[in-house]
Amino acid sequence: MNYFGMSDVGKVRDHNEDSFDIVSLADNALLAVVCDGMGGLSCGEVASRLALDTFIDTVKRICALKIAENRLSLSDREAYLVLS
């Protein structure tokens, strides 16, 4: 499977503060995450990258056992924990 991502700085800002990543969780599961930057605030790119890394680490931690067992479905509670 091929996948890619890109982001554009747009017409207002001089640099891009968004972060994204596509992570393989298992042979048949990908996690795609986009974190919007803090448009114009100091270190917005740092904040979006920290949010991205934290989210990915949390998903991997919560799903570790399921990934090891090749069962990637989440209960409602597990999905809530990932997203909160």
PDB file of N, CA and C in Angstrom:
ATOM      1  N   MET A   1       0.850  -1.173   0.000  1.00  0.00           N
ATOM      2  CA  MET A   1       0.000   0.000   0.000  1.00  0.00           C
ATOM      3  C   MET A   1       0.901   1.243   0.000  1.00  0.00           C
ATOM      4  N   ASN A   2       0.569   2.178  -0.816  1.00  0.00           N
ATOM      5  CA  ASN A   2       1.275   3.453  -0.841  1.00  0.00           C
ATOM      6  C   ASN A   2       0.416   4.510  -0.185  1.00  0.00           C
ATOM      7  N   TYR A   3       1.048   5.391   0.539  1.00  0.00           N
ATOM      8  CA  TYR A   3       0.343   6.511   1.145  1.00  0.00           C
ATOM      9  C   TYR A   3       1.294   7.685   1.257  1.00  0.00           C
ATOM     10  N   PHE A   4       0.738   8.855   1.330  1.00  0.00           N
ATOM     11  CA  PHE A   4       1.564  10.045   1.436  1.00  0.00           C
ATOM     12  C   PHE A   4       0.764  11.133   2.123  1.00  0.00           C
ATOM     13  N   GLY A   5       1.442  12.165   2.516  1.00  0.00           N
ATOM     14  CA  GLY A   5       0.789  13.319   3.117  1.00  0.00           C
ATOM     15  C   GLY A   5       1.550  14.571   2.752  1.00  0.00           C
ATOM     16  N   MET A   6       0.859  15.661   2.765  1.00  0.00           N
ATOM     17  CA  MET A   6       1.505  16.939   2.524  1.00  0.00           C
ATOM     18  C   MET A   6       0.680  18.044   3.154  1.00  0.00           C
ATOM     19  N   SER A   7       1.314  19.135   3.379  1.00  0.00           N
ATOM     20  CA  SER A   7       0.645  20.284   3.958  1.00  0.00           C
ATOM     21  C   SER A   7       1.172  21.526   3.252  1.00  0.00           C
ATOM     22  N   ASP A   8       0.354  22.525   3.188  1.00  0.00           N
ATOM     23  CA  ASP A   8       0.723  23.749   2.484  1.00  0.00           C
ATOM     24  C   ASP A   8       0.693  24.921   3.447  1.00  0.00           C
ATOM     25  N   VAL A   9       1.651  25.795   3.333  1.00  0.00           N
ATOM     26  CA  VAL A   9       1.729  26.947   4.222  1.00  0.00           C
ATOM     27  C   VAL A   9       0.580  27.932   3.995  1.00  0.00           C
ATOM     28  N   GLY A  10      -0.004  27.889   2.824  1.00  0.00           N
ATOM     29  CA  GLY A  10      -1.115  28.795   2.526  1.00  0.00           C
ATOM     30  C   GLY A  10      -0.625  30.163   2.085  1.00  0.00           C
ATOM     31  N   LYS A  11      -1.523  31.141   2.084  1.00  0.00           N
ATOM     32  CA  LYS A  11      -1.202  32.467   1.558  1.00  0.00           C
ATOM     33  C   LYS A  11      -0.959  33.502   2.651  1.00  0.00           C
ATOM     34  N   VAL A  12      -1.175  33.136   3.913  1.00  0.00           N
ATOM     35  CA  VAL A  12      -1.093  34.114   4.993  1.00  0.00           C
ATOM     36  C   VAL A  12       0.201  33.988   5.790  1.00  0.00           C
ATOM     37  N   ARG A  13       0.622  32.779   6.099  1.00  0.00           N
ATOM     38  CA  ARG A  13       1.777  32.540   6.961  1.00  0.00           C
ATOM     39  C   ARG A  13       3.060  32.364   6.142  1.00  0.00           C
ATOM     40  N   ASP A  14       4.194  32.565   6.819  1.00  0.00           N
ATOM     41  CA  ASP A  14       5.470  32.361   6.131  1.00  0.00           C
ATOM     42  C   ASP A  14       6.087  30.998   6.432  1.00  0.00           C
ATOM     43  N   HIS A  15       5.484  30.245   7.339  1.00  0.00           N
ATOM     44  CA  HIS A  15       5.941  28.888   7.621  1.00  0.00           C
ATOM     45  C   HIS A  15       4.754  28.040   8.079  1.00  0.00           C
ATOM     46  N   ASN A  16       4.934  26.748   7.977  1.00  0.00           N
ATOM     47  CA  ASN A  16       3.856  25.812   8.299  1.00  0.00           C
ATOM     48  C   ASN A  16       4.041  25.279   9.710  1.00  0.00           C
ATOM     49  N   GLU A  17       2.983  25.287  10.501  1.00  0.00           N
ATOM     50  CA  GLU A  17       3.047  24.799  11.879  1.00  0.00           C
ATOM     51  C   GLU A  17       2.287  23.493  12.067  1.00  0.00           C
ATOM     52  N   ASP A  18       1.742  22.937  10.992  1.00  0.00           N
ATOM     53  CA  ASP A  18       1.000  21.682  11.078  1.00  0.00           C
ATOM     54  C   ASP A  18       1.964  20.506  11.178  1.00  0.00           C
ATOM     55  N   SER A  19       1.477  19.425  11.779  1.00  0.00           N
ATOM     56  CA  SER A  19       2.242  18.177  11.850  1.00  0.00           C
ATOM     57  C   SER A  19       1.330  17.036  11.433  1.00  0.00           C
ATOM     58  N   PHE A  20       1.899  16.052  10.766  1.00  0.00           N
ATOM     59  CA  PHE A  20       1.136  14.863  10.416  1.00  0.00           C
ATOM     60  C   PHE A  20       2.071  13.670  10.364  1.00  0.00           C
ATOM     61  N   ASP A  21       1.487  12.503  10.506  1.00  0.00           N
ATOM     62  CA  ASP A  21       2.251  11.273  10.388  1.00  0.00           C
ATOM     63  C   ASP A  21       1.301  10.147  10.020  1.00  0.00           C
ATOM     64  N   ILE A  22       1.823   9.155   9.366  1.00  0.00           N
ATOM     65  CA  ILE A  22       1.099   7.936   9.046  1.00  0.00           C
ATOM     66  C   ILE A  22       1.943   6.799   9.590  1.00  0.00           C
ATOM     67  N   VAL A  23       1.389   6.060  10.538  1.00  0.00           N
ATOM     68  CA  VAL A  23       2.141   5.054  11.281  1.00  0.00           C
ATOM     69  C   VAL A  23       1.515   3.687  11.053  1.00  0.00           C
ATOM     70  N   SER A  24       2.333   2.705  10.750  1.00  0.00           N
ATOM     71  CA  SER A  24       1.851   1.329  10.641  1.00  0.00           C
ATOM     72  C   SER A  24       1.737   0.745  12.043  1.00  0.00           C
ATOM     73  N   LEU A  25       0.532   0.322  12.403  1.00  0.00           N
ATOM     74  CA  LEU A  25       0.318  -0.316  13.702  1.00  0.00           C
ATOM     75  C   LEU A  25       0.477  -1.828  13.605  1.00  0.00           C
ATOM     76  N   ALA A  26       0.124  -2.381  12.479  1.00  0.00           N
ATOM     77  CA  ALA A  26       0.219  -3.822  12.223  1.00  0.00           C
ATOM     78  C   ALA A  26       0.165  -4.008  10.707  1.00  0.00           C
ATOM     79  N   ASP A  27       0.251  -5.246  10.278  1.00  0.00           N
ATOM     80  CA  ASP A  27       0.249  -5.520   8.832  1.00  0.00           C
ATOM     81  C   ASP A  27      -0.973  -4.942   8.132  1.00  0.00           C
ATOM     82  N   ASN A  28      -2.091  -4.887   8.829  1.00  0.00           N
ATOM     83  CA  ASN A  28      -3.331  -4.468   8.191  1.00  0.00           C
ATOM     84  C   ASN A  28      -3.941  -3.221   8.832  1.00  0.00           C
ATOM     85  N   ALA A  29      -3.128  -2.426   9.502  1.00  0.00           N
ATOM     86  CA  ALA A  29      -3.692  -1.247  10.169  1.00  0.00           C
ATOM     87  C   ALA A  29      -2.718  -0.079  10.145  1.00  0.00           C
ATOM     88  N   LEU A  30      -3.222   1.049   9.711  1.00  0.00           N
ATOM     89  CA  LEU A  30      -2.463   2.294   9.717  1.00  0.00           C
ATOM     90  C   LEU A  30      -3.167   3.306  10.609  1.00  0.00           C
ATOM     91  N   LEU A  31      -2.393   4.174  11.189  1.00  0.00           N
ATOM     92  CA  LEU A  31      -2.927   5.297  11.955  1.00  0.00           C
ATOM     93  C   LEU A  31      -2.471   6.563  11.252  1.00  0.00           C
ATOM     94  N   ALA A  32      -3.423   7.374  10.806  1.00  0.00           N
ATOM     95  CA  ALA A  32      -3.118   8.647  10.167  1.00  0.00           C
ATOM     96  C   ALA A  32      -3.571   9.763  11.100  1.00  0.00           C
ATOM     97  N   VAL A  33      -2.665  10.682  11.398  1.00  0.00           N
ATOM     98  CA  VAL A  33      -2.944  11.743  12.362  1.00  0.00           C
ATOM     99  C   VAL A  33      -2.512  13.083  11.774  1.00  0.00           C
ATOM    100  N   VAL A  34      -3.378  14.080  11.954  1.00  0.00           N
ATOM    101  CA  VAL A  34      -3.062  15.455  11.563  1.00  0.00           C
ATOM    102  C   VAL A  34      -3.286  16.351  12.773  1.00  0.00           C
ATOM    103  N   CYS A  35      -2.303  17.178  13.093  1.00  0.00           N
ATOM    104  CA  CYS A  35      -2.435  18.146  14.180  1.00  0.00           C
ATOM    105  C   CYS A  35      -2.213  19.539  13.605  1.00  0.00           C
ATOM    106  N   ASP A  36      -3.229  20.354  13.718  1.00  0.00           N
ATOM    107  CA  ASP A  36      -3.191  21.708  13.196  1.00  0.00           C
ATOM    108  C   ASP A  36      -2.280  22.561  14.072  1.00  0.00           C
ATOM    109  N   GLY A  37      -1.488  23.399  13.438  1.00  0.00           N
ATOM    110  CA  GLY A  37      -0.601  24.294  14.179  1.00  0.00           C
ATOM    111  C   GLY A  37      -1.389  25.395  14.878  1.00  0.00           C
ATOM    112  N   MET A  38      -0.684  26.208  15.595  1.00  0.00           N
ATOM    113  CA  MET A  38      -1.296  27.270  16.409  1.00  0.00           C
ATOM    114  C   MET A  38      -1.239  28.612  15.678  1.00  0.00           C
ATOM    115  N   GLY A  39      -1.447  28.603  14.386  1.00  0.00           N
ATOM    116  CA  GLY A  39      -1.432  29.766  13.516  1.00  0.00           C
ATOM    117  C   GLY A  39      -1.048  31.112  14.092  1.00  0.00           C
ATOM    118  N   GLY A  40       0.212  31.459  13.989  1.00  0.00           N
ATOM    119  CA  GLY A  40       0.674  32.774  14.383  1.00  0.00           C
ATOM    120  C   GLY A  40       1.178  32.884  15.809  1.00  0.00           C
ATOM    121  N   LEU A  41       0.912  31.889  16.631  1.00  0.00           N
ATOM    122  CA  LEU A  41       1.408  31.924  18.007  1.00  0.00           C
ATOM    123  C   LEU A  41       2.830  31.379  18.053  1.00  0.00           C
ATOM    124  N   SER A  42       3.559  31.772  19.064  1.00  0.00           N
ATOM    125  CA  SER A  42       4.937  31.344  19.216  1.00  0.00           C
ATOM    126  C   SER A  42       5.026  29.824  19.362  1.00  0.00           C
ATOM    127  N   CYS A  43       5.889  29.215  18.588  1.00  0.00           N
ATOM    128  CA  CYS A  43       6.186  27.772  18.664  1.00  0.00           C
ATOM    129  C   CYS A  43       4.976  26.886  18.363  1.00  0.00           C
ATOM    130  N   GLY A  44       4.111  27.312  17.484  1.00  0.00           N
ATOM    131  CA  GLY A  44       2.955  26.493  17.107  1.00  0.00           C
ATOM    132  C   GLY A  44       3.358  25.160  16.523  1.00  0.00           C
ATOM    133  N   GLU A  45       4.470  25.118  15.798  1.00  0.00           N
ATOM    134  CA  GLU A  45       4.946  23.860  15.222  1.00  0.00           C
ATOM    135  C   GLU A  45       5.416  22.894  16.313  1.00  0.00           C
ATOM    136  N   VAL A  46       5.926  23.440  17.415  1.00  0.00           N
ATOM    137  CA  VAL A  46       6.336  22.593  18.537  1.00  0.00           C
ATOM    138  C   VAL A  46       5.097  21.991  19.202  1.00  0.00           C
ATOM    139  N   ALA A  47       4.080  22.807  19.399  1.00  0.00           N
ATOM    140  CA  ALA A  47       2.837  22.338  20.024  1.00  0.00           C
ATOM    141  C   ALA A  47       2.172  21.259  19.172  1.00  0.00           C
ATOM    142  N   SER A  48       2.093  21.468  17.868  1.00  0.00           N
ATOM    143  CA  SER A  48       1.431  20.475  17.018  1.00  0.00           C
ATOM    144  C   SER A  48       2.235  19.180  16.967  1.00  0.00           C
ATOM    145  N   ARG A  49       3.557  19.271  16.971  1.00  0.00           N
ATOM    146  CA  ARG A  49       4.391  18.054  16.958  1.00  0.00           C
ATOM    147  C   ARG A  49       4.266  17.300  18.284  1.00  0.00           C
ATOM    148  N   LEU A  50       4.236  18.025  19.392  1.00  0.00           N
ATOM    149  CA  LEU A  50       4.072  17.392  20.701  1.00  0.00           C
ATOM    150  C   LEU A  50       2.718  16.687  20.792  1.00  0.00           C
ATOM    151  N   ALA A  51       1.671  17.342  20.307  1.00  0.00           N
ATOM    152  CA  ALA A  51       0.344  16.723  20.295  1.00  0.00           C
ATOM    153  C   ALA A  51       0.350  15.462  19.434  1.00  0.00           C
ATOM    154  N   LEU A  52       0.972  15.532  18.282  1.00  0.00           N
ATOM    155  CA  LEU A  52       1.055  14.387  17.374  1.00  0.00           C
ATOM    156  C   LEU A  52       1.779  13.222  18.036  1.00  0.00           C
ATOM    157  N   ASP A  53       2.951  13.476  18.575  1.00  0.00           N
ATOM    158  CA  ASP A  53       3.751  12.413  19.200  1.00  0.00           C
ATOM    159  C   ASP A  53       3.028  11.805  20.396  1.00  0.00           C
ATOM    160  N   THR A  54       2.390  12.642  21.204  1.00  0.00           N
ATOM    161  CA  THR A  54       1.659  12.157  22.378  1.00  0.00           C
ATOM    162  C   THR A  54       0.493  11.279  21.960  1.00  0.00           C
ATOM    163  N   PHE A  55      -0.249  11.714  20.952  1.00  0.00           N
ATOM    164  CA  PHE A  55      -1.393  10.938  20.473  1.00  0.00           C
ATOM    165  C   PHE A  55      -0.949   9.578  19.946  1.00  0.00           C
ATOM    166  N   ILE A  56       0.078   9.561  19.111  1.00  0.00           N
ATOM    167  CA  ILE A  56       0.561   8.306  18.539  1.00  0.00           C
ATOM    168  C   ILE A  56       1.056   7.370  19.644  1.00  0.00           C
ATOM    169  N   ASP A  57       1.822   7.897  20.587  1.00  0.00           N
ATOM    170  CA  ASP A  57       2.299   7.071  21.703  1.00  0.00           C
ATOM    171  C   ASP A  57       1.143   6.505  22.516  1.00  0.00           C
ATOM    172  N   THR A  58       0.106   7.307  22.736  1.00  0.00           N
ATOM    173  CA  THR A  58      -1.062   6.859  23.495  1.00  0.00           C
ATOM    174  C   THR A  58      -1.793   5.749  22.762  1.00  0.00           C
ATOM    175  N   VAL A  59      -2.008   5.909  21.476  1.00  0.00           N
ATOM    176  CA  VAL A  59      -2.675   4.867  20.688  1.00  0.00           C
ATOM    177  C   VAL A  59      -1.867   3.573  20.737  1.00  0.00           C
ATOM    178  N   LYS A  60      -0.563   3.676  20.550  1.00  0.00           N
ATOM    179  CA  LYS A  60       0.276   2.472  20.585  1.00  0.00           C
ATOM    180  C   LYS A  60       0.218   1.800  21.952  1.00  0.00           C
ATOM    181  N   ARG A  61       0.225   2.587  23.026  1.00  0.00           N
ATOM    182  CA  ARG A  61       0.188   2.023  24.381  1.00  0.00           C
ATOM    183  C   ARG A  61      -1.144   1.324  24.639  1.00  0.00           C
ATOM    184  N   ILE A  62      -2.242   1.983  24.302  1.00  0.00           N
ATOM    185  CA  ILE A  62      -3.565   1.411  24.545  1.00  0.00           C
ATOM    186  C   ILE A  62      -3.799   0.176  23.678  1.00  0.00           C
ATOM    187  N   CYS A  63      -3.262   0.184  22.493  1.00  0.00           N
ATOM    188  CA  CYS A  63      -3.510  -0.911  21.558  1.00  0.00           C
ATOM    189  C   CYS A  63      -2.441  -2.000  21.593  1.00  0.00           C
ATOM    190  N   ALA A  64      -1.430  -1.882  22.436  1.00  0.00           N
ATOM    191  CA  ALA A  64      -0.286  -2.799  22.395  1.00  0.00           C
ATOM    192  C   ALA A  64      -0.701  -4.270  22.467  1.00  0.00           C
ATOM    193  N   LEU A  65      -1.543  -4.620  23.417  1.00  0.00           N
ATOM    194  CA  LEU A  65      -1.955  -6.011  23.552  1.00  0.00           C
ATOM    195  C   LEU A  65      -2.766  -6.459  22.340  1.00  0.00           C
ATOM    196  N   LYS A  66      -3.661  -5.615  21.906  1.00  0.00           N
ATOM    197  CA  LYS A  66      -4.484  -5.961  20.745  1.00  0.00           C
ATOM    198  C   LYS A  66      -3.620  -6.107  19.490  1.00  0.00           C
ATOM    199  N   ILE A  67      -2.614  -5.253  19.362  1.00  0.00           N
ATOM    200  CA  ILE A  67      -1.708  -5.347  18.216  1.00  0.00           C
ATOM    201  C   ILE A  67      -0.945  -6.667  18.271  1.00  0.00           C
ATOM    202  N   ALA A  68      -0.457  -7.031  19.451  1.00  0.00           N
ATOM    203  CA  ALA A  68       0.280  -8.287  19.612  1.00  0.00           C
ATOM    204  C   ALA A  68      -0.590  -9.486  19.255  1.00  0.00           C
ATOM    205  N   GLU A  69      -1.876  -9.395  19.558  1.00  0.00           N
ATOM    206  CA  GLU A  69      -2.811 -10.482  19.258  1.00  0.00           C
ATOM    207  C   GLU A  69      -3.450 -10.330  17.877  1.00  0.00           C
ATOM    208  N   ASN A  70      -3.054  -9.281  17.147  1.00  0.00           N
ATOM    209  CA  ASN A  70      -3.591  -8.975  15.820  1.00  0.00           C
ATOM    210  C   ASN A  70      -5.100  -8.720  15.874  1.00  0.00           C
ATOM    211  N   ARG A  71      -5.566  -8.121  16.957  1.00  0.00           N
ATOM    212  CA  ARG A  71      -6.969  -7.713  17.128  1.00  0.00           C
ATOM    213  C   ARG A  71      -6.968  -6.206  17.345  1.00  0.00           C
ATOM    214  N   LEU A  72      -7.353  -5.449  16.363  1.00  0.00           N
ATOM    215  CA  LEU A  72      -7.208  -4.005  16.460  1.00  0.00           C
ATOM    216  C   LEU A  72      -8.502  -3.254  16.709  1.00  0.00           C
ATOM    217  N   SER A  73      -9.606  -3.945  16.917  1.00  0.00           N
ATOM    218  CA  SER A  73     -10.834  -3.215  17.191  1.00  0.00           C
ATOM    219  C   SER A  73     -10.791  -2.679  18.625  1.00  0.00           C
ATOM    220  N   LEU A  74     -11.327  -1.479  18.810  1.00  0.00           N
ATOM    221  CA  LEU A  74     -11.348  -0.840  20.123  1.00  0.00           C
ATOM    222  C   LEU A  74     -12.761  -0.807  20.674  1.00  0.00           C
ATOM    223  N   SER A  75     -12.877  -0.963  21.972  1.00  0.00           N
ATOM    224  CA  SER A  75     -14.172  -0.769  22.614  1.00  0.00           C
ATOM    225  C   SER A  75     -14.475   0.733  22.638  1.00  0.00           C
ATOM    226  N   ASP A  76     -15.698   1.096  22.945  1.00  0.00           N
ATOM    227  CA  ASP A  76     -16.048   2.514  23.051  1.00  0.00           C
ATOM    228  C   ASP A  76     -15.171   3.204  24.089  1.00  0.00           C
ATOM    229  N   ARG A  77     -14.935   2.561  25.208  1.00  0.00           N
ATOM    230  CA  ARG A  77     -14.114   3.139  26.282  1.00  0.00           C
ATOM    231  C   ARG A  77     -12.667   3.344  25.823  1.00  0.00           C
ATOM    232  N   GLU A  78     -12.107   2.365  25.120  1.00  0.00           N
ATOM    233  CA  GLU A  78     -10.740   2.500  24.630  1.00  0.00           C
ATOM    234  C   GLU A  78     -10.621   3.614  23.614  1.00  0.00           C
ATOM    235  N   ALA A  79     -11.589   3.722  22.724  1.00  0.00           N
ATOM    236  CA  ALA A  79     -11.582   4.822  21.749  1.00  0.00           C
ATOM    237  C   ALA A  79     -11.677   6.169  22.454  1.00  0.00           C
ATOM    238  N   TYR A  80     -12.518   6.235  23.492  1.00  0.00           N
ATOM    239  CA  TYR A  80     -12.647   7.480  24.274  1.00  0.00           C
ATOM    240  C   TYR A  80     -11.306   7.840  24.916  1.00  0.00           C
ATOM    241  N   LEU A  81     -10.620   6.856  25.485  1.00  0.00           N
ATOM    242  CA  LEU A  81      -9.322   7.114  26.117  1.00  0.00           C
ATOM    243  C   LEU A  81      -8.302   7.632  25.108  1.00  0.00           C
ATOM    244  N   VAL A  82      -8.327   7.078  23.917  1.00  0.00           N
ATOM    245  CA  VAL A  82      -7.402   7.529  22.879  1.00  0.00           C
ATOM    246  C   VAL A  82      -7.678   8.979  22.493  1.00  0.00           C
ATOM    247  N   LEU A  83      -8.946   9.321  22.393  1.00  0.00           N
ATOM    248  CA  LEU A  83      -9.316  10.638  21.878  1.00  0.00           C
ATOM    249  C   LEU A  83      -9.411  11.726  22.949  1.00  0.00           C
ATOM    250  N   SER A  84      -9.345  11.356  24.201  1.00  0.00           N
ATOM    251  CA  SER A  84      -9.480  12.386  25.246  1.00  0.00           C
ATOM    252  C   SER A  84      -8.157  12.792  25.840  1.00  0.00           C
TER     253      SER A  84
END
